[in-house]
C-alpha atoms as a PDB file:
ATOM      1  CA  GLN A   1      14.352   2.707  14.716  1.00  0.00           C
ATOM      2  CA  VAL A   2      12.510   1.274  11.766  1.00  0.00           C
ATOM      3  CA  GLN A   3       9.297   3.060  10.925  1.00  0.00           C
ATOM      4  CA  LEU A   4       6.708   2.878   8.191  1.00  0.00           C
ATOM      5  CA  VAL A   5       4.026   5.513   8.601  1.00  0.00           C
ATOM      6  CA  GLU A   6       0.925   5.586   6.430  1.00  0.00           C
ATOM      7  CA  SER A   7      -1.053   8.754   5.793  1.00  0.00           C
ATOM      8  CA  GLY A   8      -3.774  10.037   3.510  1.00  0.00           C
ATOM      9  CA  GLY A   9      -6.645   7.783   4.520  1.00  0.00           C
ATOM     10  CA  GLY A  10     -10.110   8.878   5.483  1.00  0.00           C
ATOM     11  CA  LEU A  11     -13.678   8.994   4.300  1.00  0.00           C
ATOM     12  CA  VAL A  12     -14.457   9.346   0.616  1.00  0.00           C
ATOM     13  CA  HIS A  13     -17.617   9.015  -1.471  1.00  0.00           C
ATOM     14  CA  PRO A  14     -17.999   6.187  -3.943  1.00  0.00           C
ATOM     15  CA  GLY A  15     -16.247   7.124  -7.157  1.00  0.00           C
ATOM     16  CA  GLY A  16     -13.829   9.384  -5.342  1.00  0.00           C
ATOM     17  CA  SER A  17     -10.079   9.261  -5.014  1.00  0.00           C
ATOM     18  CA  LEU A  18      -7.470   9.078  -2.300  1.00  0.00           C
ATOM     19  CA  THR A  19      -3.703   8.958  -2.291  1.00  0.00           C
ATOM     20  CA  LEU A  20      -2.063   7.031   0.468  1.00  0.00           C
ATOM     21  CA  SER A  21       1.544   7.683   1.422  1.00  0.00           C
ATOM     22  CA  CYS A  22       3.976   5.418   3.245  1.00  0.00           C
ATOM     23  CA  ALA A  23       6.981   7.219   4.706  1.00  0.00           C
ATOM     24  CA  ALA A  24       9.884   4.994   5.706  1.00  0.00           C
ATOM     25  CA  SER A  25      12.833   5.525   7.990  1.00  0.00           C
ATOM     26  CA  GLY A  26      15.433   3.552   9.911  1.00  0.00           C
ATOM     27  CA  PHE A  27      16.453   1.127   7.161  1.00  0.00           C
ATOM     28  CA  ASN A  28      17.863   1.164   3.619  1.00  0.00           C
ATOM     29  CA  PHE A  29      14.603   1.976   1.905  1.00  0.00           C
ATOM     30  CA  GLU A  30      16.061   1.863  -1.607  1.00  0.00           C
ATOM     31  CA  HIS A  31      16.963  -1.808  -1.178  1.00  0.00           C
ATOM     32  CA  TYR A  32      13.457  -2.988  -0.315  1.00  0.00           C
ATOM     33  CA  ALA A  33      10.254  -3.680  -2.153  1.00  0.00           C
ATOM     34  CA  ILE A  34       7.231  -1.967  -0.679  1.00  0.00           C
ATOM     35  CA  GLY A  35       3.882  -3.659  -0.697  1.00  0.00           C
ATOM     36  CA  TRP A  36       0.438  -2.312   0.082  1.00  0.00           C
ATOM     37  CA  PHE A  37      -1.981  -4.628   1.838  1.00  0.00           C
ATOM     38  CA  ARG A  38      -5.481  -4.245   3.185  1.00  0.00           C
ATOM     39  CA  GLN A  39      -7.625  -6.005   5.686  1.00  0.00           C
ATOM     40  CA  ALA A  40     -11.324  -5.393   6.255  1.00  0.00           C
ATOM     41  CA  PRO A  41     -13.093  -6.456   9.450  1.00  0.00           C
ATOM     42  CA  GLY A  42     -13.726 -10.183   9.459  1.00  0.00           C
ATOM     43  CA  LYS A  43     -11.680 -10.740   6.302  1.00  0.00           C
ATOM     44  CA  GLU A  44      -8.194 -11.964   5.585  1.00  0.00           C
ATOM     45  CA  ARG A  45      -5.424  -9.581   4.668  1.00  0.00           C
ATOM     46  CA  GLU A  46      -4.934  -9.254   0.934  1.00  0.00           C
ATOM     47  CA  GLY A  47      -2.256  -7.807  -1.246  1.00  0.00           C
ATOM     48  CA  VAL A  48      -3.099  -4.631  -3.109  1.00  0.00           C
ATOM     49  CA  SER A  49       0.136  -3.732  -4.938  1.00  0.00           C
ATOM     50  CA  CYS A  50       3.878  -4.042  -4.717  1.00  0.00           C
ATOM     51  CA  THR A  51       6.710  -2.011  -6.158  1.00  0.00           C
ATOM     52  CA  THR A  52      10.226  -3.364  -6.293  1.00  0.00           C
ATOM     53  CA  SER A  53      13.251  -1.527  -4.942  1.00  0.00           C
ATOM     54  CA  SER A  54      13.852  -0.116  -8.425  1.00  0.00           C
ATOM     55  CA  GLY A  55      10.307   1.203  -8.654  1.00  0.00           C
ATOM     56  CA  ARG A  56       8.824  -1.412 -10.930  1.00  0.00           C
ATOM     57  CA  ALA A  57       5.191  -2.154 -10.195  1.00  0.00           C
ATOM     58  CA  ALA A  58       5.520  -5.906  -9.881  1.00  0.00           C
ATOM     59  CA  PHE A  59       2.030  -6.705  -8.603  1.00  0.00           C
ATOM     60  CA  TYR A  60      -1.480  -5.371  -8.638  1.00  0.00           C
ATOM     61  CA  ALA A  61      -4.466  -7.255  -7.313  1.00  0.00           C
ATOM     62  CA  GLU A  62      -7.234  -7.812  -9.856  1.00  0.00           C
ATOM     63  CA  PHE A  63      -9.500  -5.380  -7.969  1.00  0.00           C
ATOM     64  CA  ALA A  64      -6.763  -2.724  -8.169  1.00  0.00           C
ATOM     65  CA  LYS A  65      -5.895  -2.961 -11.839  1.00  0.00           C
ATOM     66  CA  GLY A  66      -6.999   0.082 -13.778  1.00  0.00           C
ATOM     67  CA  ARG A  67      -7.991   1.975 -10.601  1.00  0.00           C
ATOM     68  CA  PHE A  68      -4.948   2.011  -8.318  1.00  0.00           C
ATOM     69  CA  THR A  69      -1.405   3.159  -9.108  1.00  0.00           C
ATOM     70  CA  ALA A  70       1.585   2.551  -6.875  1.00  0.00           C
ATOM     71  CA  SER A  71       4.722   4.602  -7.135  1.00  0.00           C
ATOM     72  CA  ARG A  72       7.779   5.361  -5.057  1.00  0.00           C
ATOM     73  CA  ASP A  73      10.215   8.184  -4.535  1.00  0.00           C
ATOM     74  CA  ASN A  74      13.450   6.783  -3.208  1.00  0.00           C
ATOM     75  CA  ALA A  75      14.810  10.279  -2.611  1.00  0.00           C
ATOM     76  CA  LYS A  76      11.966  10.851  -0.157  1.00  0.00           C
ATOM     77  CA  ASN A  77      11.812   7.316   1.223  1.00  0.00           C
ATOM     78  CA  THR A  78       8.137   7.309   0.365  1.00  0.00           C
ATOM     79  CA  VAL A  79       5.751   5.104  -1.517  1.00  0.00           C
ATOM     80  CA  TYR A  80       2.370   6.235  -2.780  1.00  0.00           C
ATOM     81  CA  LEU A  81      -0.857   4.478  -3.633  1.00  0.00           C
ATOM     82  CA  GLN A  82      -3.175   6.524  -5.835  1.00  0.00           C
ATOM     83  CA  MET A  83      -6.691   5.093  -5.621  1.00  0.00           C
ATOM     84  CA  ASN A  84      -9.346   6.184  -8.066  1.00  0.00           C
ATOM     85  CA  SER A  85     -12.943   5.159  -8.663  1.00  0.00           C
ATOM     86  CA  LEU A  86     -13.225   3.921  -5.110  1.00  0.00           C
ATOM     87  CA  ARG A  87     -15.986   1.529  -4.191  1.00  0.00           C
ATOM     88  CA  PRO A  88     -17.622   0.695  -0.850  1.00  0.00           C
ATOM     89  CA  GLU A  89     -15.874  -2.687  -0.984  1.00  0.00           C
ATOM     90  CA  ASP A  90     -12.509  -0.869  -0.912  1.00  0.00           C
ATOM     91  CA  THR A  91     -13.276   0.081   2.671  1.00  0.00           C
ATOM     92  CA  SER A  92     -10.481  -1.396   4.739  1.00  0.00           C
ATOM     93  CA  VAL A  93      -7.365  -0.744   6.775  1.00  0.00           C
ATOM     94  CA  TYR A  94      -4.473  -0.254   4.391  1.00  0.00           C
ATOM     95  CA  SER A  95      -0.913  -1.021   5.458  1.00  0.00           C
ATOM     96  CA  CYS A  96       2.451  -0.750   3.787  1.00  0.00           C
ATOM     97  CA  ALA A  97       5.258  -3.173   4.353  1.00  0.00           C
ATOM     98  CA  ALA A  98       8.904  -3.564   3.314  1.00  0.00           C
ATOM     99  CA  GLY A  99      10.576  -6.755   2.177  1.00  0.00           C
ATOM    100  CA  PRO A 100      12.943  -8.263  -0.361  1.00  0.00           C
ATOM    101  CA  ASP A 101      12.100  -7.867  -4.036  1.00  0.00           C
ATOM    102  CA  PHE A 102      11.707 -11.631  -4.226  1.00  0.00           C
ATOM    103  CA  PHE A 103       8.513 -11.421  -2.197  1.00  0.00           C
ATOM    104  CA  CYS A 104       6.911  -8.741  -4.317  1.00  0.00           C
ATOM    105  CA  THR A 105       4.104 -11.059  -5.402  1.00  0.00           C
ATOM    106  CA  GLY A 106       1.034  -9.884  -3.497  1.00  0.00           C
ATOM    107  CA  ARG A 107       1.489 -12.270  -0.599  1.00  0.00           C
ATOM    108  CA  SER A 108       2.453 -10.910   2.804  1.00  0.00           C
ATOM    109  CA  ASN A 109       4.955 -13.649   3.567  1.00  0.00           C
ATOM    110  CA  GLY A 110       8.492 -12.380   3.694  1.00  0.00           C
ATOM    111  CA  PHE A 111       7.701  -8.764   4.442  1.00  0.00           C
ATOM    112  CA  ILE A 112       9.846  -7.666   7.332  1.00  0.00           C
ATOM    113  CA  TYR A 113       8.708  -4.207   8.356  1.00  0.00           C
ATOM    114  CA  TRP A 114       5.100  -3.109   8.684  1.00  0.00           C
ATOM    115  CA  GLY A 115       3.284   0.131   9.214  1.00  0.00           C
ATOM    116  CA  GLN A 116       0.439   0.520  11.664  1.00  0.00           C
ATOM    117  CA  GLY A 117      -2.158   0.835   8.968  1.00  0.00           C
ATOM    118  CA  ILE A 118      -4.636   3.547   8.055  1.00  0.00           C
ATOM    119  CA  GLU A 119      -8.370   3.437   7.580  1.00  0.00           C
ATOM    120  CA  VAL A 120     -10.042   4.067   4.279  1.00  0.00           C
ATOM    121  CA  THR A 121     -13.810   4.293   4.289  1.00  0.00           C
ATOM    122  CA  VAL A 122     -15.791   4.559   1.077  1.00  0.00           C
ATOM    123  CA  SER A 123     -19.355   5.505   1.806  1.00  0.00           C
ATOM    124  CA  SER A 124     -22.041   7.878   0.712  1.00  0.00           C
END
């Protein structure tokens, strides 16, 4: 059974940090790119970052550059998203998804497997 399970979300003050994890199982994790996406209430889903199967950070959204860092540990079938200097506008549901390296562009098209998502709230 294919699973992508996000963890590490929660409530954080503006300027704070969180690290999200995405644990994968049930498929050949090392052959897939892993993207992070987010969707706030009333807004469209947007790409946050994407790492290729080899671990190359192929995409960061403009809002993520300099603040967020994506990494992966293929030995643990896990991808991480370190988020620093968080802002209230980063409040959203964050999801990870797996797809071919070709689609590691920030768009959600082509991603095959999706996690349930986890809430991140940035508020004082």
